[in-house]
């Protein structure tokens, strides 16, 4: 279709920082080619990445729900030999509070981003990143305390599920920390800054809610 078509709810890639990236180089609705590597489809709608993240989170949810189903079935089996966890480190409660706080700081950061407060955005985004690192360190401390109490992955069925749940979640959260750092220090190439903060926030809040669910499951399943 000739001319330039502007669609309000579709955000196109124009530069590494999500801006308009200069004038149009033609009537095809794409920005100047200076910031786009050759061969890249510059007209990919940014909402595609949000949809992709939604689908990805659905896959992660299915993975963990499969583990939860196995946990419930195994625990409910007659003569299963299920042994309750002898200890439950207090640091796990602290870790939960840290992760909940990180969701609050992330929401604050995004609010400042939408208000075009770059300094405030970077500050609270950085605080969220640090809280994520604290959570991971806290998980390592919890694993060490379990080991000191003689609770290992192969000790019994309950300890096996404990480690599978917490390690799998920890690995996924570590990926979220890497994404937070990437948005904070590196220019995005395929995503605008706005889309990058949105998809990373979606992932982080999901990991937060997932941990709360797993934590309650482990507490109630003792």
Protein backbone atom coordinates (compact mmCIF):
# COMPACT_ATOMS: atom_id res chain seq x y z
CA UNK A 1 0.00 0.00 0.00
CA UNK A 2 1.63 3.33 -0.96
CA UNK A 3 2.50 5.92 1.61
CA UNK A 4 3.34 5.55 5.25
CA UNK A 5 0.87 3.72 7.48
CA UNK A 6 0.93 4.60 11.20
CA UNK A 7 -0.65 2.11 13.56
CA UNK A 8 -0.93 3.53 17.13
CA UNK A 9 -0.77 0.23 19.00
CA UNK A 10 2.07 -1.34 16.99
CA UNK A 11 5.53 -0.16 17.97
CA UNK A 12 8.20 -0.66 15.28
CA UNK A 13 11.93 -0.94 15.77
CA UNK A 14 13.71 2.25 14.75
CA UNK A 15 16.79 2.36 16.95
CA UNK A 16 18.58 0.58 19.75
CA UNK A 17 17.01 2.85 22.35
CA UNK A 18 13.38 2.66 21.24
CA UNK A 19 13.22 6.19 19.83
CA UNK A 20 11.99 7.28 16.46
CA UNK A 21 15.51 7.01 15.11
CA UNK A 22 15.48 9.81 12.61
CA UNK A 23 13.50 10.33 9.47
CA UNK A 24 11.97 7.79 7.17
CA UNK A 25 14.07 6.54 4.30
CA UNK A 26 11.09 5.89 2.12
CA UNK A 27 7.38 5.35 2.04
CA UNK A 28 7.41 1.90 3.60
CA UNK A 29 6.96 2.91 7.25
CA UNK A 30 10.50 1.86 8.33
CA UNK A 31 13.10 4.06 9.93
CA UNK A 32 16.45 4.99 8.44
CA UNK A 33 18.73 2.03 7.87
CA UNK A 34 21.70 3.44 9.79
CA UNK A 35 20.91 1.63 13.01
CA UNK A 36 19.56 -1.61 11.51
CA UNK A 37 21.89 -4.41 10.36
CA UNK A 38 21.38 -5.41 6.77
CA UNK A 39 18.84 -8.15 6.22
CA UNK A 40 16.90 -7.52 9.44
CA UNK A 41 13.15 -7.22 9.17
CA UNK A 42 12.74 -3.76 10.71
CA UNK A 43 8.97 -3.91 10.51
CA UNK A 44 8.46 -6.60 13.15
CA UNK A 45 5.69 -5.42 15.53
CA UNK A 46 7.01 -5.06 19.05
CA UNK A 47 3.87 -6.71 20.43
CA UNK A 48 5.17 -9.91 18.84
CA UNK A 49 7.77 -10.12 21.60
CA UNK A 50 5.12 -9.64 24.28
CA UNK A 51 3.10 -12.45 22.73
CA UNK A 52 6.22 -14.62 22.57
CA UNK A 53 6.92 -13.99 26.24
CA UNK A 54 3.33 -14.91 27.13
CA UNK A 55 3.67 -18.20 25.25
CA UNK A 56 7.04 -18.86 26.88
CA UNK A 57 5.63 -18.25 30.36
CA UNK A 58 2.83 -20.67 29.55
CA UNK A 59 5.44 -23.33 28.77
CA UNK A 60 7.28 -22.65 32.04
CA UNK A 61 4.01 -22.87 33.95
CA UNK A 62 3.21 -26.23 32.37
CA UNK A 63 6.67 -27.51 33.31
CA UNK A 64 6.28 -26.57 36.96
CA UNK A 65 2.68 -27.78 37.15
CA UNK A 66 3.87 -31.17 35.89
CA UNK A 67 6.38 -31.24 38.75
CA UNK A 68 3.70 -30.19 41.23
CA UNK A 69 1.38 -32.95 39.98
CA UNK A 70 4.15 -35.52 40.43
CA UNK A 71 4.81 -34.13 43.92
CA UNK A 72 1.16 -34.45 44.97
CA UNK A 73 0.80 -37.96 43.53
CA UNK A 74 4.05 -39.17 45.09
CA UNK A 75 3.22 -37.72 48.49
CA UNK A 76 -0.26 -39.25 48.48
CA UNK A 77 0.80 -42.76 47.54
CA UNK A 78 0.13 -45.38 50.25
CA UNK A 79 3.28 -46.73 51.90
CA UNK A 80 5.29 -44.18 49.95
CA UNK A 81 7.80 -43.77 52.76
CA UNK A 82 7.40 -40.00 52.55
CA UNK A 83 9.60 -38.36 55.19
CA UNK A 84 8.79 -34.76 56.17
CA UNK A 85 11.67 -32.31 55.93
CA UNK A 86 13.42 -32.18 59.32
CA UNK A 87 14.40 -28.53 58.88
CA UNK A 88 13.08 -25.54 56.97
CA UNK A 89 15.64 -22.70 57.00
CA UNK A 90 14.35 -19.31 58.06
CA UNK A 91 16.32 -17.75 55.23
CA UNK A 92 13.63 -19.04 52.85
CA UNK A 93 11.15 -16.70 54.53
CA UNK A 94 13.60 -13.83 54.05
CA UNK A 95 14.12 -14.83 50.41
CA UNK A 96 10.37 -14.70 49.84
CA UNK A 97 10.18 -11.20 51.33
CA UNK A 98 13.11 -10.09 49.15
CA UNK A 99 11.45 -11.36 45.99
CA UNK A 100 8.15 -9.69 46.85
CA UNK A 101 10.03 -6.43 47.46
CA UNK A 102 11.72 -6.77 44.08
CA UNK A 103 8.33 -6.81 42.35
CA UNK A 104 7.45 -3.57 44.12
CA UNK A 105 10.70 -1.89 43.07
CA UNK A 106 10.27 -3.14 39.51
CA UNK A 107 6.78 -1.68 39.32
CA UNK A 108 8.17 1.60 40.64
CA UNK A 109 10.90 1.54 38.01
CA UNK A 110 8.45 1.02 35.16
CA UNK A 111 6.26 3.84 36.44
CA UNK A 112 9.24 6.20 36.36
CA UNK A 113 10.17 4.93 32.90
CA UNK A 114 6.73 5.85 31.58
CA UNK A 115 7.15 9.26 33.22
CA UNK A 116 10.42 9.72 31.26
CA UNK A 117 12.45 9.85 34.50
CA UNK A 118 15.60 8.10 33.29
CA UNK A 119 17.54 8.51 36.51
CA UNK A 120 14.72 7.21 38.68
CA UNK A 121 14.09 4.34 36.28
CA UNK A 122 17.71 3.20 36.34
CA UNK A 123 17.91 3.52 40.13
CA UNK A 124 14.90 1.33 40.89
CA UNK A 125 15.68 -1.08 38.06
CA UNK A 126 19.14 -1.48 39.58
CA UNK A 127 17.62 -2.03 43.05
CA UNK A 128 15.46 -4.80 41.57
CA UNK A 129 18.54 -6.42 40.06
CA UNK A 130 20.37 -6.33 43.39
CA UNK A 131 17.38 -7.84 45.19
CA UNK A 132 17.33 -10.63 42.62
CA UNK A 133 20.98 -11.36 43.35
CA UNK A 134 20.26 -11.34 47.09
CA UNK A 135 17.51 -13.91 46.52
CA UNK A 136 19.88 -16.22 44.65
CA UNK A 137 22.52 -15.90 47.37
CA UNK A 138 19.83 -16.65 49.95
CA UNK A 139 18.87 -19.81 48.08
CA UNK A 140 22.47 -20.99 48.12
CA UNK A 141 22.57 -20.38 51.89
CA UNK A 142 19.37 -22.41 52.28
CA UNK A 143 20.81 -25.31 50.27
CA UNK A 144 23.93 -25.27 52.45
CA UNK A 145 21.79 -25.37 55.59
CA UNK A 146 19.83 -28.30 54.23
CA UNK A 147 23.08 -30.11 53.48
CA UNK A 148 24.41 -29.40 56.97
CA UNK A 149 21.24 -30.99 58.36
CA UNK A 150 21.84 -34.09 56.24
CA UNK A 151 19.11 -33.29 53.72
CA UNK A 152 20.37 -34.00 50.20
CA UNK A 153 18.62 -34.54 46.91
CA UNK A 154 18.85 -38.32 47.20
CA UNK A 155 17.94 -38.49 50.90
CA UNK A 156 14.25 -39.20 50.31
CA UNK A 157 11.37 -38.24 48.02
CA UNK A 158 10.49 -35.05 49.86
CA UNK A 159 14.05 -33.74 49.75
CA UNK A 160 14.30 -34.64 46.06
CA UNK A 161 11.27 -32.53 45.22
CA UNK A 162 12.59 -29.73 47.41
CA UNK A 163 15.81 -29.48 45.43
CA UNK A 164 14.09 -29.91 42.05
CA UNK A 165 11.63 -27.10 42.80
CA UNK A 166 14.13 -24.65 44.23
CA UNK A 167 16.96 -25.32 41.76
CA UNK A 168 14.66 -25.16 38.72
CA UNK A 169 13.16 -21.91 39.94
CA UNK A 170 16.59 -20.52 40.81
CA UNK A 171 17.89 -21.19 37.30
CA UNK A 172 14.88 -19.48 35.76
CA UNK A 173 15.27 -16.52 38.10
CA UNK A 174 18.97 -16.26 37.26
CA UNK A 175 17.89 -15.81 33.65
CA UNK A 176 15.67 -12.96 34.81
CA UNK A 177 18.60 -11.30 36.58
CA UNK A 178 20.65 -11.49 33.38
CA UNK A 179 17.76 -9.87 31.50
CA UNK A 180 17.54 -7.08 34.09
CA UNK A 181 21.26 -6.39 33.77
CA UNK A 182 21.00 -6.44 29.98
CA UNK A 183 18.27 -3.80 29.93
CA UNK A 184 20.15 -1.66 32.45
CA UNK A 185 23.56 -1.62 30.77
CA UNK A 186 23.16 -2.73 27.14
CA UNK A 187 21.20 -1.11 24.32
CA UNK A 188 18.51 -3.40 22.98
CA UNK A 189 18.81 -4.32 19.30
CA UNK A 190 15.61 -6.06 18.30
CA UNK A 191 13.38 -4.57 20.98
CA UNK A 192 12.65 -0.96 21.82
CA UNK A 193 13.44 0.03 25.40
CA UNK A 194 9.74 0.16 26.19
CA UNK A 195 9.13 -3.38 24.95
CA UNK A 196 12.25 -4.69 26.69
CA UNK A 197 11.14 -3.34 30.07
CA UNK A 198 7.66 -4.76 29.50
CA UNK A 199 8.68 -8.32 28.64
CA UNK A 200 11.32 -8.49 31.37
CA UNK A 201 8.80 -7.21 33.91
CA UNK A 202 6.30 -9.85 32.80
CA UNK A 203 8.91 -12.56 33.32
CA UNK A 204 10.05 -11.23 36.69
CA UNK A 205 6.58 -10.86 38.18
CA UNK A 206 5.76 -14.37 36.96
CA UNK A 207 8.86 -15.78 38.68
CA UNK A 208 7.88 -13.91 41.84
CA UNK A 209 4.37 -15.37 41.87
CA UNK A 210 5.68 -18.82 41.01
CA UNK A 211 8.07 -18.77 43.95
CA UNK A 212 5.32 -17.76 46.38
CA UNK A 213 3.26 -20.70 45.12
CA UNK A 214 6.16 -23.16 45.45
CA UNK A 215 7.08 -21.81 48.88
CA UNK A 216 3.54 -22.30 50.18
CA UNK A 217 3.45 -25.76 48.63
CA UNK A 218 6.63 -26.76 50.44
CA UNK A 219 5.44 -25.26 53.72
CA UNK A 220 2.03 -26.93 53.61
CA UNK A 221 3.49 -30.19 52.28
CA UNK A 222 5.87 -30.70 55.17
